[in-house]
Amino acid sequence: MKHRWPGNVRELENIIERAFNMLDGSEIQLKHLPNYLKILAGHETHPFVGGSLGNILAGVEKEALIDALDTSNGNKVQAAKTLGLSRAGLYKKLKKHDLH
């Protein structure tokens, strides 16, 4: 409730819907939220802390790709636009992270 939302309403709606689908009880809990929100809220440390800069950046890039695809409901054209990439650039990064 105290967390400042960093995205738009559609992204919030998507996060709530995904959390609701993972429910094992009657309330959405911290464990149902994506890691980047837990990190932003200070409830978890970033999983890439302590690695090489290359590994940290690759991990952050992969998280951003996954989040953009989730937010766009798998629409790669929209995900590319959200990330400021060309469609070809998105496909190249998806292949790099084995997300294609």
Protein backbone atom coordinates (compact mmCIF):
# COMPACT_ATOMS: atom_id res chain seq x y z
CA MET A 1 0.00 0.00 0.00
CA LYS A 2 2.91 2.39 0.68
CA HIS A 3 4.75 1.61 -2.56
CA ARG A 4 4.88 4.36 -5.19
CA TRP A 5 3.86 2.79 -8.51
CA PRO A 6 6.57 3.33 -11.17
CA GLY A 7 4.48 2.40 -14.22
CA ASN A 8 1.17 3.12 -15.87
CA VAL A 9 -2.28 1.81 -14.96
CA ARG A 10 -2.14 -0.94 -17.59
CA GLU A 11 1.11 -2.26 -16.09
CA LEU A 12 -0.43 -2.20 -12.60
CA GLU A 13 -3.48 -4.05 -13.87
CA ASN A 14 -1.22 -6.68 -15.47
CA ILE A 15 0.79 -7.17 -12.24
CA ILE A 16 -2.39 -7.56 -10.17
CA GLU A 17 -3.85 -10.04 -12.65
CA ARG A 18 -0.66 -12.16 -12.63
CA ALA A 19 -0.51 -12.04 -8.82
CA PHE A 20 -4.17 -13.04 -8.58
CA ASN A 21 -3.51 -16.05 -10.81
CA MET A 22 -0.76 -17.18 -8.42
CA LEU A 23 -2.89 -16.90 -5.25
CA ASP A 24 -2.89 -19.78 -2.83
CA GLY A 25 -5.09 -17.93 -0.37
CA SER A 26 -7.36 -14.92 -0.34
CA GLU A 27 -4.79 -12.08 -0.36
CA ILE A 28 -2.08 -10.96 -2.73
CA GLN A 29 1.17 -11.14 -0.79
CA LEU A 30 4.74 -10.02 -1.44
CA LYS A 31 5.65 -13.48 -2.75
CA HIS A 32 3.14 -13.04 -5.59
CA LEU A 33 4.82 -9.88 -6.93
CA PRO A 34 7.69 -9.68 -9.43
CA ASN A 35 11.21 -9.39 -8.01
CA TYR A 36 11.79 -5.89 -9.36
CA LEU A 37 8.90 -4.57 -7.25
CA LYS A 38 10.25 -6.29 -4.14
CA ILE A 39 13.63 -4.71 -4.82
CA LEU A 40 12.13 -1.24 -5.37
CA ALA A 41 10.18 -1.57 -2.14
CA GLY A 42 13.34 -2.61 -0.25
CA HIS A 43 12.09 -6.09 0.66
CA GLU A 44 14.69 -7.95 -1.35
CA THR A 45 18.19 -7.35 -2.60
CA HIS A 46 18.87 -7.37 -6.28
CA PRO A 47 19.83 -10.89 -7.41
CA PHE A 48 22.72 -9.62 -9.53
CA VAL A 49 24.54 -7.68 -6.82
CA GLY A 50 28.11 -8.88 -6.45
CA GLY A 51 28.56 -10.16 -9.99
CA SER A 52 30.59 -8.71 -12.82
CA LEU A 53 29.22 -5.63 -14.50
CA GLY A 54 28.56 -7.61 -17.68
CA ASN A 55 26.50 -10.21 -15.80
CA ILE A 56 24.59 -7.55 -13.87
CA LEU A 57 23.70 -5.66 -17.05
CA ALA A 58 22.72 -8.86 -18.86
CA GLY A 59 20.45 -9.83 -15.97
CA VAL A 60 18.80 -6.42 -15.88
CA GLU A 61 18.35 -6.50 -19.65
CA LYS A 62 16.73 -9.94 -19.48
CA GLU A 63 14.35 -8.79 -16.71
CA ALA A 64 13.39 -5.75 -18.79
CA LEU A 65 12.67 -7.94 -21.82
CA ILE A 66 10.52 -10.33 -19.80
CA ASP A 67 8.65 -7.46 -18.17
CA ALA A 68 8.02 -5.71 -21.50
CA LEU A 69 6.69 -8.94 -23.01
CA ASP A 70 4.47 -9.55 -19.97
CA THR A 71 3.16 -6.00 -20.01
CA SER A 72 2.39 -6.19 -23.74
CA ASN A 73 0.76 -9.63 -23.38
CA GLY A 74 3.41 -11.14 -25.68
CA ASN A 75 3.02 -8.50 -28.40
CA LYS A 76 6.61 -8.17 -29.59
CA VAL A 77 6.00 -5.01 -31.63
CA GLN A 78 4.57 -3.26 -28.56
CA ALA A 79 7.36 -4.65 -26.31
CA ALA A 80 9.97 -3.31 -28.74
CA LYS A 81 8.29 0.11 -28.74
CA THR A 82 8.15 0.13 -24.92
CA LEU A 83 11.87 -0.63 -24.73
CA GLY A 84 12.81 1.85 -27.46
CA LEU A 85 14.06 -0.91 -29.75
CA SER A 86 13.43 -1.78 -33.35
CA ARG A 87 11.63 -5.06 -33.94
CA ALA A 88 14.89 -6.56 -35.24
CA GLY A 89 16.72 -5.27 -32.17
CA LEU A 90 14.17 -6.89 -29.88
CA TYR A 91 14.45 -10.23 -31.69
CA LYS A 92 18.26 -10.08 -31.43
CA LYS A 93 18.07 -9.50 -27.65
CA LEU A 94 15.42 -12.22 -27.20
CA LYS A 95 17.72 -14.67 -28.99
CA LYS A 96 20.71 -13.53 -26.91
CA HIS A 97 18.80 -14.32 -23.69
CA ASP A 98 17.19 -17.48 -25.11
CA LEU A 99 13.70 -15.94 -24.78
CA HIS A 100 12.52 -16.37 -28.38
